[in-house]
PDB file of all heavy atoms in Angstrom:
ATOM      1  N   ARG A   1       5.937   0.408 -17.541  1.00  0.00           N
ATOM      2  CA  ARG A   1       7.088   0.755 -18.406  1.00  0.00           C
ATOM      3  C   ARG A   1       6.887   0.114 -19.767  1.00  0.00           C
ATOM      4  O   ARG A   1       6.500  -1.078 -19.889  1.00  0.00           O
ATOM      5  CB  ARG A   1       8.334   0.093 -17.726  1.00  0.00           C
ATOM      6  CG  ARG A   1       9.647   0.473 -18.493  1.00  0.00           C
ATOM      7  CD  ARG A   1      10.848  -0.021 -17.656  1.00  0.00           C
ATOM      8  NE  ARG A   1      10.871   0.735 -16.447  1.00  0.00           N
ATOM      9  CZ  ARG A   1      11.810   1.590 -16.130  1.00  0.00           C
ATOM     10  NH1 ARG A   1      12.786   1.795 -16.879  1.00  0.00           N
ATOM     11  NH2 ARG A   1      11.761   2.222 -14.948  1.00  0.00           N
ATOM     12  N   LEU A   2       7.012   0.948 -20.797  1.00  0.00           N
ATOM     13  CA  LEU A   2       6.812   0.518 -22.158  1.00  0.00           C
ATOM     14  C   LEU A   2       8.195   0.507 -22.824  1.00  0.00           C
ATOM     15  O   LEU A   2       8.908   1.496 -22.787  1.00  0.00           O
ATOM     16  CB  LEU A   2       5.868   1.532 -22.888  1.00  0.00           C
ATOM     17  CG  LEU A   2       4.492   1.602 -22.349  1.00  0.00           C
ATOM     18  CD1 LEU A   2       3.755   2.872 -22.836  1.00  0.00           C
ATOM     19  CD2 LEU A   2       3.709   0.383 -22.753  1.00  0.00           C
ATOM     20  N   PRO A   3       8.569  -0.601 -23.509  1.00  0.00           N
ATOM     21  CA  PRO A   3       9.848  -0.622 -24.236  1.00  0.00           C
ATOM     22  C   PRO A   3       9.836   0.295 -25.441  1.00  0.00           C
ATOM     23  O   PRO A   3       8.705   0.604 -25.957  1.00  0.00           O
ATOM     24  CB  PRO A   3       9.970  -2.102 -24.606  1.00  0.00           C
ATOM     25  CG  PRO A   3       8.553  -2.537 -24.761  1.00  0.00           C
ATOM     26  CD  PRO A   3       7.749  -1.816 -23.734  1.00  0.00           C
ATOM     27  N   LEU A   4      10.980   0.675 -25.848  1.00  0.00           N
ATOM     28  CA  LEU A   4      11.114   1.422 -27.101  1.00  0.00           C
ATOM     29  C   LEU A   4      10.673   0.546 -28.217  1.00  0.00           C
ATOM     30  O   LEU A   4      11.253  -0.581 -28.375  1.00  0.00           O
ATOM     31  CB  LEU A   4      12.540   1.925 -27.357  1.00  0.00           C
ATOM     32  CG  LEU A   4      13.096   2.856 -26.296  1.00  0.00           C
ATOM     33  CD1 LEU A   4      14.545   3.175 -26.535  1.00  0.00           C
ATOM     34  CD2 LEU A   4      12.303   4.106 -26.168  1.00  0.00           C
ATOM     35  N   VAL A   5       9.673   0.953 -28.997  1.00  0.00           N
ATOM     36  CA  VAL A   5       9.188   0.182 -30.103  1.00  0.00           C
ATOM     37  C   VAL A   5       9.210   1.059 -31.373  1.00  0.00           C
ATOM     38  O   VAL A   5       9.056   2.232 -31.269  1.00  0.00           O
ATOM     39  CB  VAL A   5       7.761  -0.440 -29.836  1.00  0.00           C
ATOM     40  CG1 VAL A   5       7.855  -1.387 -28.743  1.00  0.00           C
ATOM     41  CG2 VAL A   5       6.803   0.690 -29.569  1.00  0.00           C
ATOM     42  N   PRO A   6       9.324   0.375 -32.485  1.00  0.00           N
ATOM     43  CA  PRO A   6       9.286   1.261 -33.768  1.00  0.00           C
ATOM     44  C   PRO A   6       7.912   1.901 -33.916  1.00  0.00           C
ATOM     45  O   PRO A   6       6.936   1.406 -33.481  1.00  0.00           O
ATOM     46  CB  PRO A   6       9.517   0.176 -34.847  1.00  0.00           C
ATOM     47  CG  PRO A   6      10.042  -1.067 -34.151  1.00  0.00           C
ATOM     48  CD  PRO A   6       9.509  -0.978 -32.735  1.00  0.00           C
ATOM     49  N   ALA A   7       7.975   3.066 -34.593  1.00  0.00           N
ATOM     50  CA  ALA A   7       6.719   3.798 -34.797  1.00  0.00           C
ATOM     51  C   ALA A   7       5.750   2.840 -35.503  1.00  0.00           C
ATOM     52  O   ALA A   7       6.068   2.143 -36.358  1.00  0.00           O
ATOM     53  CB  ALA A   7       7.008   5.016 -35.643  1.00  0.00           C
ATOM     54  N   GLY A   8       4.461   2.836 -35.047  1.00  0.00           N
ATOM     55  CA  GLY A   8       3.396   2.061 -35.670  1.00  0.00           C
ATOM     56  C   GLY A   8       3.402   0.582 -35.136  1.00  0.00           C
ATOM     57  O   GLY A   8       2.492  -0.094 -35.508  1.00  0.00           O
ATOM     58  N   ALA A   9       4.328   0.241 -34.269  1.00  0.00           N
ATOM     59  CA  ALA A   9       4.291  -1.148 -33.703  1.00  0.00           C
ATOM     60  C   ALA A   9       3.222  -1.257 -32.678  1.00  0.00           C
ATOM     61  O   ALA A   9       2.863  -0.318 -31.975  1.00  0.00           O
ATOM     62  CB  ALA A   9       5.676  -1.457 -33.079  1.00  0.00           C
ATOM     63  N   ALA A  10       2.722  -2.422 -32.581  1.00  0.00           N
ATOM     64  CA  ALA A  10       1.604  -2.692 -31.599  1.00  0.00           C
ATOM     65  C   ALA A  10       2.189  -2.588 -30.171  1.00  0.00           C
ATOM     66  O   ALA A  10       3.299  -3.037 -29.879  1.00  0.00           O
ATOM     67  CB  ALA A  10       1.025  -4.085 -31.767  1.00  0.00           C
ATOM     68  N   LEU A  11       1.416  -1.900 -29.264  1.00  0.00           N
ATOM     69  CA  LEU A  11       1.849  -1.771 -27.895  1.00  0.00           C
ATOM     70  C   LEU A  11       1.244  -2.781 -26.962  1.00  0.00           C
ATOM     71  O   LEU A  11       1.769  -3.041 -25.857  1.00  0.00           O
ATOM     72  CB  LEU A  11       1.445  -0.375 -27.411  1.00  0.00           C
ATOM     73  CG  LEU A  11       2.119   0.806 -28.081  1.00  0.00           C
ATOM     74  CD1 LEU A  11       1.461   2.160 -27.621  1.00  0.00           C
ATOM     75  CD2 LEU A  11       3.605   0.756 -27.736  1.00  0.00           C
ATOM     76  N   ALA A  12       0.162  -3.457 -27.332  1.00  0.00           N
ATOM     77  CA  ALA A  12      -0.475  -4.424 -26.533  1.00  0.00           C
ATOM     78  C   ALA A  12       0.417  -5.569 -26.142  1.00  0.00           C
ATOM     79  O   ALA A  12       1.100  -6.122 -26.969  1.00  0.00           O
ATOM     80  CB  ALA A  12      -1.825  -5.000 -27.235  1.00  0.00           C
ATOM     81  N   GLY A  13       0.483  -5.852 -24.870  1.00  0.00           N
ATOM     82  CA  GLY A  13       1.313  -6.907 -24.320  1.00  0.00           C
ATOM     83  C   GLY A  13       2.756  -6.591 -24.164  1.00  0.00           C
ATOM     84  O   GLY A  13       3.569  -7.471 -23.888  1.00  0.00           O
ATOM     85  N   THR A  14       3.157  -5.321 -24.396  1.00  0.00           N
ATOM     86  CA  THR A  14       4.614  -5.017 -24.310  1.00  0.00           C
ATOM     87  C   THR A  14       5.036  -4.393 -23.053  1.00  0.00           C
ATOM     88  O   THR A  14       6.222  -4.293 -22.739  1.00  0.00           O
ATOM     89  CB  THR A  14       5.025  -4.037 -25.448  1.00  0.00           C
ATOM     90  OG1 THR A  14       4.296  -2.761 -25.298  1.00  0.00           O
ATOM     91  CG2 THR A  14       4.656  -4.600 -26.869  1.00  0.00           C
ATOM     92  N   ALA A  15       4.079  -3.947 -22.230  1.00  0.00           N
ATOM     93  CA  ALA A  15       4.422  -3.205 -21.002  1.00  0.00           C
ATOM     94  C   ALA A  15       4.757  -4.087 -19.832  1.00  0.00           C
ATOM     95  O   ALA A  15       4.476  -5.321 -19.832  1.00  0.00           O
ATOM     96  CB  ALA A  15       3.289  -2.321 -20.613  1.00  0.00           C
ATOM     97  N   ARG A  16       5.423  -3.500 -18.874  1.00  0.00           N
ATOM     98  CA  ARG A  16       5.787  -4.151 -17.605  1.00  0.00           C
ATOM     99  C   ARG A  16       5.173  -3.287 -16.441  1.00  0.00           C
ATOM    100  O   ARG A  16       5.423  -2.109 -16.504  1.00  0.00           O
ATOM    101  CB  ARG A  16       7.170  -4.329 -17.495  1.00  0.00           C
ATOM    102  CG  ARG A  16       7.647  -5.144 -16.221  1.00  0.00           C
ATOM    103  CD  ARG A  16       9.119  -5.412 -16.120  1.00  0.00           C
ATOM    104  NE  ARG A  16       9.750  -4.157 -15.734  1.00  0.00           N
ATOM    105  CZ  ARG A  16      10.961  -3.770 -16.075  1.00  0.00           C
ATOM    106  NH1 ARG A  16      11.665  -4.451 -16.926  1.00  0.00           N
ATOM    107  NH2 ARG A  16      11.423  -2.626 -15.616  1.00  0.00           N
ATOM    108  N   LEU A  17       4.487  -3.913 -15.543  1.00  0.00           N
ATOM    109  CA  LEU A  17       3.927  -3.213 -14.342  1.00  0.00           C
ATOM    110  C   LEU A  17       5.109  -2.984 -13.345  1.00  0.00           C
ATOM    111  O   LEU A  17       5.641  -3.955 -12.866  1.00  0.00           O
ATOM    112  CB  LEU A  17       2.775  -3.925 -13.759  1.00  0.00           C
ATOM    113  CG  LEU A  17       2.118  -3.311 -12.508  1.00  0.00           C
ATOM    114  CD1 LEU A  17       1.425  -2.004 -12.974  1.00  0.00           C
ATOM    115  CD2 LEU A  17       1.089  -4.255 -11.953  1.00  0.00           C
ATOM    116  N   GLU A  18       5.402  -1.735 -13.098  1.00  0.00           N
ATOM    117  CA  GLU A  18       6.430  -1.429 -12.142  1.00  0.00           C
ATOM    118  C   GLU A  18       5.776  -1.330 -10.791  1.00  0.00           C
ATOM    119  O   GLU A  18       6.393  -1.875  -9.823  1.00  0.00           O
ATOM    120  CB  GLU A  18       7.088  -0.006 -12.436  1.00  0.00           C
ATOM    121  CG  GLU A  18       7.888  -0.031 -13.701  1.00  0.00           C
ATOM    122  CD  GLU A  18       9.113  -0.905 -13.622  1.00  0.00           C
ATOM    123  OE1 GLU A  18       9.879  -0.756 -12.617  1.00  0.00           O
ATOM    124  OE2 GLU A  18       9.338  -1.706 -14.586  1.00  0.00           O
ATOM    125  N   TRP A  19       4.638  -0.741 -10.618  1.00  0.00           N
ATOM    126  CA  TRP A  19       3.928  -0.731  -9.358  1.00  0.00           C
ATOM    127  C   TRP A  19       2.517  -0.263  -9.509  1.00  0.00           C
ATOM    128  O   TRP A  19       2.098   0.374 -10.479  1.00  0.00           O
ATOM    129  CB  TRP A  19       4.684   0.084  -8.277  1.00  0.00           C
ATOM    130  CG  TRP A  19       5.191   1.428  -8.578  1.00  0.00           C
ATOM    131  CD1 TRP A  19       6.495   1.739  -8.861  1.00  0.00           C
ATOM    132  CD2 TRP A  19       4.486   2.622  -8.659  1.00  0.00           C
ATOM    133  NE1 TRP A  19       6.608   3.114  -9.096  1.00  0.00           N
ATOM    134  CE2 TRP A  19       5.385   3.693  -8.973  1.00  0.00           C
ATOM    135  CE3 TRP A  19       3.148   2.970  -8.472  1.00  0.00           C
ATOM    136  CZ2 TRP A  19       5.026   4.997  -9.117  1.00  0.00           C
ATOM    137  CZ3 TRP A  19       2.790   4.294  -8.570  1.00  0.00           C
ATOM    138  CH2 TRP A  19       3.728   5.276  -8.926  1.00  0.00           C
ATOM    139  N   LEU A  20       1.742  -0.770  -8.555  1.00  0.00           N
ATOM    140  CA  LEU A  20       0.257  -0.409  -8.473  1.00  0.00           C
ATOM    141  C   LEU A  20       0.050  -0.074  -6.943  1.00  0.00           C
ATOM    142  O   LEU A  20       0.318  -0.903  -6.144  1.00  0.00           O
ATOM    143  CB  LEU A  20      -0.560  -1.585  -8.906  1.00  0.00           C
ATOM    144  CG  LEU A  20      -2.090  -1.455  -8.786  1.00  0.00           C
ATOM    145  CD1 LEU A  20      -2.583  -0.313  -9.645  1.00  0.00           C
ATOM    146  CD2 LEU A  20      -2.747  -2.755  -9.177  1.00  0.00           C
ATOM    147  N   VAL A  21      -0.302   1.153  -6.694  1.00  0.00           N
ATOM    148  CA  VAL A  21      -0.381   1.686  -5.368  1.00  0.00           C
ATOM    149  C   VAL A  21      -1.853   1.997  -5.014  1.00  0.00           C
ATOM    150  O   VAL A  21      -2.547   2.800  -5.600  1.00  0.00           O
ATOM    151  CB  VAL A  21       0.482   2.967  -5.137  1.00  0.00           C
ATOM    152  CG1 VAL A  21       0.371   3.456  -3.717  1.00  0.00           C
ATOM    153  CG2 VAL A  21       1.881   2.656  -5.452  1.00  0.00           C
ATOM    154  N   ARG A  22      -2.225   1.437  -3.878  1.00  0.00           N
ATOM    155  CA  ARG A  22      -3.524   1.794  -3.270  1.00  0.00           C
ATOM    156  C   ARG A  22      -3.253   3.078  -2.451  1.00  0.00           C
ATOM    157  O   ARG A  22      -2.222   3.132  -1.750  1.00  0.00           O
ATOM    158  CB  ARG A  22      -4.044   0.667  -2.322  1.00  0.00           C
ATOM    159  CG  ARG A  22      -4.437  -0.583  -3.107  1.00  0.00           C
ATOM    160  CD  ARG A  22      -4.818  -1.599  -2.145  1.00  0.00           C
ATOM    161  NE  ARG A  22      -5.969  -1.134  -1.355  1.00  0.00           N
ATOM    162  CZ  ARG A  22      -6.890  -1.923  -0.732  1.00  0.00           C
ATOM    163  NH1 ARG A  22      -6.818  -3.231  -0.896  1.00  0.00           N
ATOM    164  NH2 ARG A  22      -7.839  -1.344  -0.104  1.00  0.00           N
ATOM    165  N   PRO A  23      -4.134   4.016  -2.485  1.00  0.00           N
ATOM    166  CA  PRO A  23      -3.921   5.304  -1.822  1.00  0.00           C
ATOM    167  C   PRO A  23      -3.666   5.093  -0.305  1.00  0.00           C
ATOM    168  O   PRO A  23      -2.840   5.824   0.283  1.00  0.00           O
ATOM    169  CB  PRO A  23      -5.224   6.022  -1.997  1.00  0.00           C
ATOM    170  CG  PRO A  23      -5.742   5.541  -3.229  1.00  0.00           C
ATOM    171  CD  PRO A  23      -5.358   4.052  -3.300  1.00  0.00           C
ATOM    172  N   LYS A  24      -4.310   4.167   0.333  1.00  0.00           N
ATOM    173  CA  LYS A  24      -4.112   3.974   1.741  1.00  0.00           C
ATOM    174  C   LYS A  24      -2.640   3.663   2.103  1.00  0.00           C
ATOM    175  O   LYS A  24      -2.186   4.027   3.193  1.00  0.00           O
ATOM    176  CB  LYS A  24      -4.962   2.850   2.343  1.00  0.00           C
ATOM    177  CG  LYS A  24      -6.377   3.187   2.442  1.00  0.00           C
ATOM    178  CD  LYS A  24      -7.209   2.071   3.038  1.00  0.00           C
ATOM    179  CE  LYS A  24      -8.662   2.473   3.183  1.00  0.00           C
ATOM    180  NZ  LYS A  24      -9.505   1.436   3.802  1.00  0.00           N
ATOM    181  N   LEU A  25      -1.914   3.048   1.206  1.00  0.00           N
ATOM    182  CA  LEU A  25      -0.498   2.780   1.428  1.00  0.00           C
ATOM    183  C   LEU A  25       0.364   4.076   1.547  1.00  0.00           C
ATOM    184  O   LEU A  25       1.446   4.028   2.200  1.00  0.00           O
ATOM    185  CB  LEU A  25       0.103   1.879   0.346  1.00  0.00           C
ATOM    186  CG  LEU A  25      -0.506   0.498   0.310  1.00  0.00           C
ATOM    187  CD1 LEU A  25       0.066  -0.282  -0.881  1.00  0.00           C
ATOM    188  CD2 LEU A  25      -0.217  -0.275   1.598  1.00  0.00           C
ATOM    189  N   TRP A  26      -0.099   5.053   0.907  1.00  0.00           N
ATOM    190  CA  TRP A  26       0.723   6.345   0.855  1.00  0.00           C
ATOM    191  C   TRP A  26       0.198   7.417   1.786  1.00  0.00           C
ATOM    192  O   TRP A  26       0.730   8.524   1.866  1.00  0.00           O
ATOM    193  CB  TRP A  26       0.785   6.868  -0.580  1.00  0.00           C
ATOM    194  CG  TRP A  26       1.837   6.113  -1.381  1.00  0.00           C
ATOM    195  CD1 TRP A  26       2.532   5.033  -0.981  1.00  0.00           C
ATOM    196  CD2 TRP A  26       2.328   6.495  -2.670  1.00  0.00           C
ATOM    197  NE1 TRP A  26       3.405   4.701  -1.984  1.00  0.00           N
ATOM    198  CE2 TRP A  26       3.365   5.603  -2.976  1.00  0.00           C
ATOM    199  CE3 TRP A  26       2.069   7.530  -3.551  1.00  0.00           C
ATOM    200  CZ2 TRP A  26       4.014   5.674  -4.219  1.00  0.00           C
ATOM    201  CZ3 TRP A  26       2.679   7.543  -4.713  1.00  0.00           C
ATOM    202  CH2 TRP A  26       3.717   6.609  -5.035  1.00  0.00           C
ATOM    203  N   LEU A  27      -0.963   7.176   2.414  1.00  0.00           N
ATOM    204  CA  LEU A  27      -1.505   8.184   3.335  1.00  0.00           C
ATOM    205  C   LEU A  27      -0.860   8.138   4.689  1.00  0.00           C
ATOM    206  O   LEU A  27      -0.528   7.068   5.126  1.00  0.00           O
ATOM    207  CB  LEU A  27      -2.980   8.000   3.437  1.00  0.00           C
ATOM    208  CG  LEU A  27      -3.844   8.210   2.196  1.00  0.00           C
ATOM    209  CD1 LEU A  27      -5.306   7.890   2.396  1.00  0.00           C
ATOM    210  CD2 LEU A  27      -3.719   9.655   1.682  1.00  0.00           C
ATOM    211  N   PRO A  28      -0.726   9.245   5.345  1.00  0.00           N
ATOM    212  CA  PRO A  28      -0.121   9.305   6.707  1.00  0.00           C
ATOM    213  C   PRO A  28      -1.044   8.538   7.628  1.00  0.00           C
ATOM    214  O   PRO A  28      -2.310   8.570   7.459  1.00  0.00           O
ATOM    215  CB  PRO A  28       0.028  10.788   7.053  1.00  0.00           C
ATOM    216  CG  PRO A  28      -0.801  11.513   5.947  1.00  0.00           C
ATOM    217  CD  PRO A  28      -1.034  10.634   4.874  1.00  0.00           C
TER     218      PRO A  28
END
């Protein structure tokens, strides 16, 4: 998730990890 930032603002360090999924977790 990236916050709304003004045009041209730096994006590095602004995001938040919502989830990281290994494929095995979603396989039947």
